[in-house]
Amino acid sequence: MATIRDVAKLASVSVATVSRVINKNGYVNKQTEIKVLESMKLLNYKPHTIARALSNKQTYTLALILPDITNPFFPELARAIEDTATKFGYSLILANSDSNKEKTTSYIESLTNRYVDGIIFASHELSLDKINQIKDSGIPMATLDRAVNLKGLPSIGVQNYEGGIMAVKHLLSMGCSKIGHICGPIYYHTSIERYKGYVDALEDINQFHPSYVVQGDFSIESGFEMANRLLSNHPEIDGIFAANDLMAVGALKALIRLKKKIPEEVALIGFDGISITSQMEPEISTIAQPIYQIGAMAVNCLIDQIQKKIPCEQSGQELELKLVARASTLKSKGHSSI
């Protein structure tokens, strides 16, 4: 196996010159640089990643902290982040917090000690003290959908409020007049914004009923339980907006168990746009997030900070959502997008 000394000998330069070329640190004239690179290619020499990282104080590694890897939304997001990171020459460490504050804290301690170059947070379990600890370490950060809602912390998100309005207006356009809502945990920014959109859309036409709102935890099980509760307490409900697709799947199971005709008796729409919605019977309508774009923008946000040493250009952007109308709301077969 070739060494850095072999490269230096073949290129007729010093080891220090080869090191400067590899690490792009210090002046080397163009002709010498070309000679060194050609020698590396001829010898099939690959710089030792760890040594290079120590020299540059970079590990070319990003970290992603997720709240629940079993939620299909997050693997789709992680794939986008990994793909984009790879294009920039970075690898990705994935950490699943299980929505647990202690576990999140432990990950942060570990990641900052391992000198990752940047951290993306999709998990909400993060204290102000820990944020300041990361800031003090100099590690760039980005959050998704204001997972950490702190001024000055870069965030990439979607128009959750507008998405709530979009879901309700679609149900209204399908003839629903008594629309229930299975909201997410009230301590999540996303849940609050989607709920506000639902409320405002119905208050505009004087059809908001507080008792038509129940709270789930973004799981299939809670969607099933809350849909049962809604229809048990309010059998007149003819439309349900679930704040995420997993709860919509649970709600669909409840409607089928209750022998409700979908969408004739009760129409159903979710939020996220994960692939499982198109695999159900009937297929579930959803307010789709641009999941891949969110992940790609989060990585670009970190690269701005790491390589360009500038603030995240994409920070604060709220991406548009798309209504994907399917059989759970459409009386005709097939599906369409609006």
Protein backbone atom coordinates (compact mmCIF):
# COMPACT_ATOMS: atom_id res chain seq x y z
CA MET A 1 0.00 0.00 0.00
CA ALA A 2 1.39 3.38 -1.03
CA THR A 3 2.29 5.94 1.62
CA ILE A 4 2.54 9.71 1.58
CA ARG A 5 6.33 9.32 1.36
CA ASP A 6 5.95 7.26 -1.83
CA VAL A 7 3.87 10.05 -3.36
CA ALA A 8 6.44 12.67 -2.35
CA LYS A 9 9.26 10.61 -3.86
CA LEU A 10 7.45 10.04 -7.17
CA ALA A 11 6.45 13.70 -7.45
CA SER A 12 9.95 14.86 -6.39
CA VAL A 13 8.56 17.06 -3.63
CA SER A 14 8.61 17.05 0.16
CA VAL A 15 6.11 15.20 2.34
CA ALA A 16 4.97 18.61 3.63
CA THR A 17 4.08 19.68 0.08
CA VAL A 18 2.00 16.53 -0.47
CA SER A 19 0.25 17.21 2.85
CA ARG A 20 -0.57 20.78 1.77
CA VAL A 21 -2.09 19.50 -1.48
CA ILE A 22 -4.18 16.86 0.30
CA ASN A 23 -5.44 19.22 2.98
CA LYS A 24 -5.66 22.29 0.73
CA ASN A 25 -3.76 24.13 3.41
CA GLY A 26 -0.99 26.54 2.45
CA TYR A 27 0.38 27.67 -0.91
CA VAL A 28 1.39 25.17 -3.60
CA ASN A 29 1.90 26.32 -7.19
CA LYS A 30 -0.45 24.84 -9.76
CA GLN A 31 2.18 22.82 -11.62
CA THR A 32 3.38 21.14 -8.42
CA GLU A 33 -0.19 20.45 -7.33
CA ILE A 34 -0.92 18.70 -10.64
CA LYS A 35 2.26 16.63 -10.30
CA VAL A 36 1.29 15.53 -6.77
CA LEU A 37 -2.27 14.64 -7.79
CA GLU A 38 -1.01 12.62 -10.75
CA SER A 39 1.42 10.76 -8.50
CA MET A 40 -1.38 9.97 -6.05
CA LYS A 41 -3.46 8.61 -8.91
CA LEU A 42 -0.62 6.48 -10.30
CA LEU A 43 0.07 4.98 -6.88
CA ASN A 44 -3.65 4.68 -6.05
CA TYR A 45 -2.89 6.57 -2.86
CA LYS A 46 -5.88 7.52 -0.71
CA PRO A 47 -5.30 9.89 2.21
CA HIS A 48 -6.13 8.48 5.61
CA THR A 49 -9.52 9.91 6.50
CA ILE A 50 -8.88 10.22 10.23
CA ALA A 51 -5.49 11.87 9.81
CA ARG A 52 -6.97 14.27 7.28
CA ALA A 53 -9.82 15.07 9.64
CA LEU A 54 -7.44 15.82 12.50
CA SER A 55 -5.38 18.08 10.26
CA ASN A 56 -8.40 20.00 8.99
CA LYS A 57 -10.33 19.82 12.26
CA GLN A 58 -13.12 18.32 10.14
CA THR A 59 -14.54 14.80 10.13
CA TYR A 60 -16.74 15.19 7.05
CA THR A 61 -19.55 13.74 9.12
CA LEU A 62 -23.02 15.14 9.81
CA ALA A 63 -25.46 13.92 12.45
CA LEU A 64 -29.24 13.66 12.28
CA ILE A 65 -31.30 13.32 15.49
CA LEU A 66 -34.77 11.88 14.86
CA PRO A 67 -37.62 11.41 17.36
CA ASP A 68 -38.99 8.10 16.05
CA ILE A 69 -37.35 6.01 13.35
CA THR A 70 -40.43 3.74 13.19
CA ASN A 71 -42.48 6.62 11.77
CA PRO A 72 -42.11 6.20 7.97
CA PHE A 73 -41.82 9.97 7.54
CA PHE A 74 -38.37 10.00 9.13
CA PRO A 75 -36.64 7.25 7.10
CA GLU A 76 -37.80 9.06 3.95
CA LEU A 77 -36.35 12.28 5.36
CA ALA A 78 -33.11 10.57 6.41
CA ARG A 79 -32.66 9.18 2.90
CA ALA A 80 -32.84 12.68 1.44
CA ILE A 81 -30.35 14.00 3.98
CA GLU A 82 -27.94 11.12 3.40
CA ASP A 83 -28.14 11.44 -0.40
CA THR A 84 -27.41 15.17 -0.27
CA ALA A 85 -24.65 14.81 2.33
CA THR A 86 -22.94 12.20 0.15
CA LYS A 87 -22.91 14.60 -2.80
CA PHE A 88 -20.90 17.03 -0.66
CA GLY A 89 -18.53 14.29 0.50
CA TYR A 90 -20.03 13.84 3.96
CA SER A 91 -21.22 10.72 5.75
CA LEU A 92 -24.22 10.67 8.09
CA ILE A 93 -24.66 9.48 11.67
CA LEU A 94 -28.28 8.68 12.52
CA ALA A 95 -29.50 9.00 16.12
CA ASN A 96 -32.99 7.95 17.21
CA SER A 97 -34.06 9.77 20.39
CA ASP A 98 -37.38 7.93 20.91
CA SER A 99 -38.73 11.38 21.85
CA ASN A 100 -36.76 11.05 25.09
CA LYS A 101 -35.02 14.11 26.55
CA GLU A 102 -32.36 12.11 28.42
CA LYS A 103 -31.53 10.09 25.31
CA THR A 104 -31.30 13.27 23.23
CA THR A 105 -28.96 14.82 25.79
CA SER A 106 -26.76 11.72 25.73
CA TYR A 107 -26.55 11.84 21.93
CA ILE A 108 -25.53 15.50 22.01
CA GLU A 109 -22.73 14.77 24.50
CA SER A 110 -21.48 11.93 22.32
CA LEU A 111 -21.75 13.79 19.02
CA THR A 112 -20.00 16.94 20.21
CA ASN A 113 -17.15 14.82 21.61
CA ARG A 114 -16.78 13.05 18.27
CA TYR A 115 -16.35 16.34 16.43
CA VAL A 116 -19.14 15.99 13.90
CA ASP A 117 -19.18 18.92 11.50
CA GLY A 118 -22.88 19.69 11.82
CA ILE A 119 -26.10 18.50 13.47
CA ILE A 120 -29.66 18.43 12.09
CA PHE A 121 -32.45 18.23 14.65
CA ALA A 122 -35.83 16.74 13.81
CA SER A 123 -36.38 15.86 17.46
CA HIS A 124 -38.11 18.30 19.81
CA GLU A 125 -36.52 17.11 23.06
CA LEU A 126 -33.77 19.69 23.38
CA SER A 127 -33.22 22.16 26.22
CA LEU A 128 -31.89 25.69 25.86
CA ASP A 129 -28.83 24.68 27.89
CA LYS A 130 -27.98 21.97 25.39
CA ILE A 131 -28.45 24.32 22.45
CA ASN A 132 -26.02 26.76 24.04
CA GLN A 133 -23.60 23.89 24.70
CA ILE A 134 -23.60 23.03 21.00
CA LYS A 135 -23.22 26.69 20.05
CA ASP A 136 -20.24 27.01 22.39
CA SER A 137 -18.65 23.99 20.73
CA GLY A 138 -18.86 25.81 17.39
CA ILE A 139 -20.78 23.01 15.67
CA PRO A 140 -23.25 24.34 13.06
CA MET A 141 -26.89 23.36 13.59
CA ALA A 142 -30.17 23.28 11.69
CA THR A 143 -33.65 22.26 12.77
CA LEU A 144 -36.59 20.90 10.83
CA ASP A 145 -40.02 22.46 11.25
CA ARG A 146 -38.84 24.46 14.25
CA ALA A 147 -38.15 21.29 16.22
CA VAL A 148 -36.27 23.76 18.39
CA ASN A 149 -38.13 27.05 18.19
CA LEU A 150 -35.35 29.49 19.04
CA LYS A 151 -34.61 32.81 17.41
CA GLY A 152 -31.41 32.74 15.39
CA LEU A 153 -31.33 28.95 15.03
CA PRO A 154 -31.64 27.98 11.34
CA SER A 155 -34.85 26.12 10.52
CA ILE A 156 -36.36 24.52 7.42
CA GLY A 157 -40.08 23.83 7.49
CA VAL A 158 -43.40 23.76 5.68
CA GLN A 159 -46.58 25.83 5.73
CA ASN A 160 -48.30 23.84 8.48
CA TYR A 161 -50.99 26.45 9.12
CA GLU A 162 -51.88 26.68 5.44
CA GLY A 163 -51.88 22.88 5.29
CA GLY A 164 -54.53 22.72 8.00
CA ILE A 165 -56.70 25.13 6.03
CA MET A 166 -56.11 23.14 2.84
CA ALA A 167 -57.25 19.89 4.48
CA VAL A 168 -60.46 21.41 5.84
CA LYS A 169 -61.33 23.17 2.59
CA HIS A 170 -60.91 19.91 0.70
CA LEU A 171 -63.27 18.10 3.07
CA LEU A 172 -65.77 20.93 2.76
CA SER A 173 -65.56 20.76 -1.03
CA MET A 174 -66.39 17.05 -0.79
CA GLY A 175 -69.64 17.89 1.01
CA CYS A 176 -68.51 17.42 4.63
CA SER A 177 -70.07 19.81 7.15
CA LYS A 178 -69.17 18.31 10.53
CA ILE A 179 -65.40 17.90 10.52
CA GLY A 180 -63.45 16.41 13.40
CA HIS A 181 -59.73 16.80 14.01
CA ILE A 182 -57.21 14.40 15.53
CA CYS A 183 -54.44 16.83 16.46
CA GLY A 184 -50.89 15.97 17.43
CA PRO A 185 -49.19 16.66 20.79
CA ILE A 186 -49.87 20.27 21.77
CA TYR A 187 -46.21 20.92 22.66
CA TYR A 188 -45.17 20.47 19.02
CA HIS A 189 -45.08 23.55 16.81
CA THR A 190 -46.33 21.51 13.85
CA SER A 191 -49.38 20.28 15.78
CA ILE A 192 -50.29 23.78 16.91
CA GLU A 193 -50.03 25.30 13.44
CA ARG A 194 -52.08 22.55 11.77
CA TYR A 195 -54.70 22.87 14.50
CA LYS A 196 -54.86 26.65 14.04
CA GLY A 197 -55.42 26.18 10.31
CA TYR A 198 -58.24 23.73 11.02
CA VAL A 199 -59.88 26.10 13.51
CA ASP A 200 -59.64 29.22 11.33
CA ALA A 201 -60.98 27.47 8.23
CA LEU A 202 -64.07 26.33 10.15
CA GLU A 203 -64.56 29.53 12.15
CA ASP A 204 -64.74 31.43 8.87
CA ILE A 205 -67.98 29.58 8.14
CA ASN A 206 -69.14 29.27 11.77
CA GLN A 207 -68.68 25.49 11.84
CA PHE A 208 -65.96 25.07 14.47
CA HIS A 209 -66.91 22.84 17.41
CA PRO A 210 -64.23 22.46 20.13
CA SER A 211 -65.66 19.07 21.12
CA TYR A 212 -64.82 17.78 17.63
CA VAL A 213 -61.09 17.97 18.50
CA VAL A 214 -59.18 15.12 20.17
CA GLN A 215 -55.45 14.76 20.75
CA GLY A 216 -53.31 11.86 19.55
CA ASP A 217 -49.58 11.26 19.69
CA PHE A 218 -48.81 10.83 15.95
CA SER A 219 -49.06 7.02 16.19
CA ILE A 220 -51.37 4.59 14.38
CA GLU A 221 -52.70 3.38 17.72
CA SER A 222 -53.70 6.87 18.85
CA GLY A 223 -55.39 7.52 15.50
CA PHE A 224 -57.47 4.38 15.96
CA GLU A 225 -58.38 5.26 19.55
CA MET A 226 -59.18 8.91 18.86
CA ALA A 227 -61.31 8.19 15.78
CA ASN A 228 -63.34 5.75 17.85
CA ARG A 229 -63.75 8.37 20.57
CA LEU A 230 -64.77 11.07 18.10
CA LEU A 231 -67.45 8.96 16.46
CA SER A 232 -68.66 7.52 19.75
CA ASN A 233 -69.19 11.01 21.19
CA HIS A 234 -70.25 12.62 17.90
CA PRO A 235 -71.75 10.09 15.46
CA GLU A 236 -72.79 13.00 13.23
CA ILE A 237 -69.17 13.69 12.19
CA ASP A 238 -68.80 13.19 8.43
CA GLY A 239 -65.15 14.18 7.92
CA ILE A 240 -61.90 13.70 9.84
CA PHE A 241 -58.61 15.58 9.45
CA ALA A 242 -55.74 13.71 11.11
CA ALA A 243 -52.63 15.81 11.83
CA ASN A 244 -50.32 13.16 10.39
CA ASP A 245 -50.61 10.17 8.09
CA LEU A 246 -49.98 7.51 10.73
CA MET A 247 -52.96 8.74 12.75
CA ALA A 248 -54.96 8.78 9.51
CA VAL A 249 -54.08 5.09 9.02
CA GLY A 250 -55.30 4.37 12.55
CA ALA A 251 -58.47 6.37 11.91
CA LEU A 252 -59.08 4.41 8.71
CA LYS A 253 -58.85 1.14 10.65
CA ALA A 254 -61.39 2.49 13.15
CA LEU A 255 -63.79 3.55 10.39
CA ILE A 256 -63.57 0.12 8.79
CA ARG A 257 -64.13 -1.56 12.18
CA LEU A 258 -67.20 0.65 12.68
CA LYS A 259 -68.42 -0.36 9.21
CA LYS A 260 -68.47 3.24 8.02
CA LYS A 261 -68.64 3.83 4.27
CA ILE A 262 -65.58 5.81 3.22
CA PRO A 263 -65.93 8.54 2.01
CA GLU A 264 -69.75 8.48 1.68
CA GLU A 265 -70.40 8.48 5.44
CA VAL A 266 -67.04 9.71 6.74
CA ALA A 267 -64.27 11.21 4.61
CA LEU A 268 -60.68 11.10 5.85
CA ILE A 269 -57.51 13.09 5.15
CA GLY A 270 -54.03 12.95 6.70
CA PHE A 271 -50.89 15.08 6.61
CA ASP A 272 -47.29 14.30 5.51
CA GLY A 273 -47.47 12.45 2.20
CA ILE A 274 -45.70 9.24 3.25
CA SER A 275 -45.94 6.24 0.96
CA ILE A 276 -48.10 4.13 3.28
CA THR A 277 -51.14 6.29 2.47
CA SER A 278 -51.17 5.01 -1.11
CA GLN A 279 -50.94 1.41 0.09
CA MET A 280 -54.12 1.43 2.18
CA GLU A 281 -57.57 0.38 1.01
CA PRO A 282 -59.10 2.80 0.35
CA GLU A 283 -56.07 4.98 -0.41
CA ILE A 284 -55.84 7.91 1.99
CA SER A 285 -55.90 11.53 0.89
CA THR A 286 -53.09 13.59 2.37
CA ILE A 287 -51.49 17.01 2.57
CA ALA A 288 -48.06 16.09 1.21
CA GLN A 289 -44.84 17.64 2.42
CA PRO A 290 -41.88 17.91 0.01
CA ILE A 291 -39.93 15.49 2.20
CA TYR A 292 -36.91 15.11 -0.07
CA GLN A 293 -36.60 18.86 -0.59
CA ILE A 294 -36.73 19.48 3.17
CA GLY A 295 -33.86 17.06 3.76
CA ALA A 296 -31.76 18.45 0.92
CA MET A 297 -32.24 22.03 2.12
CA ALA A 298 -31.26 21.09 5.67
CA VAL A 299 -27.92 19.74 4.43
CA ASN A 300 -27.35 22.80 2.25
CA CYS A 301 -28.03 24.90 5.33
CA LEU A 302 -25.22 23.16 7.18
CA ILE A 303 -22.85 23.34 4.22
CA ASP A 304 -23.37 27.12 4.07
CA GLN A 305 -22.19 27.32 7.67
CA ILE A 306 -19.40 24.73 7.48
CA GLN A 307 -17.72 25.49 4.16
CA LYS A 308 -18.83 28.99 3.23
CA LYS A 309 -18.79 30.31 6.80
CA ILE A 310 -22.02 32.19 6.14
CA PRO A 311 -25.47 32.06 7.75
CA CYS A 312 -27.90 29.53 6.34
CA GLU A 313 -29.45 31.09 3.23
CA GLN A 314 -32.53 28.84 3.37
CA SER A 315 -33.29 29.46 7.05
CA GLY A 316 -36.85 30.43 7.90
CA GLN A 317 -38.29 29.23 4.61
CA GLU A 318 -41.65 27.47 4.79
CA LEU A 319 -42.09 25.22 1.79
CA GLU A 320 -45.41 24.80 0.04
CA LEU A 321 -47.57 21.73 0.52
CA LYS A 322 -49.59 19.74 -1.99
CA LEU A 323 -53.05 18.24 -1.68
CA VAL A 324 -53.09 14.64 -2.88
CA ALA A 325 -56.76 13.69 -3.10
CA ARG A 326 -57.51 9.97 -3.13
CA ALA A 327 -60.32 7.50 -2.50
CA SER A 328 -60.76 8.33 1.20
CA THR A 329 -62.24 11.70 0.22
CA LEU A 330 -63.17 11.29 -3.44
CA LYS A 331 -66.40 9.53 -4.33
CA SER A 332 -65.07 8.63 -7.76
CA LYS A 333 -62.33 6.01 -8.09
CA GLY A 334 -58.70 6.85 -8.69
CA HIS A 335 -56.70 9.72 -7.34
CA SER A 336 -55.72 13.22 -8.29
CA SER A 337 -53.68 16.13 -7.05
CA ILE A 338 -54.92 19.67 -6.63
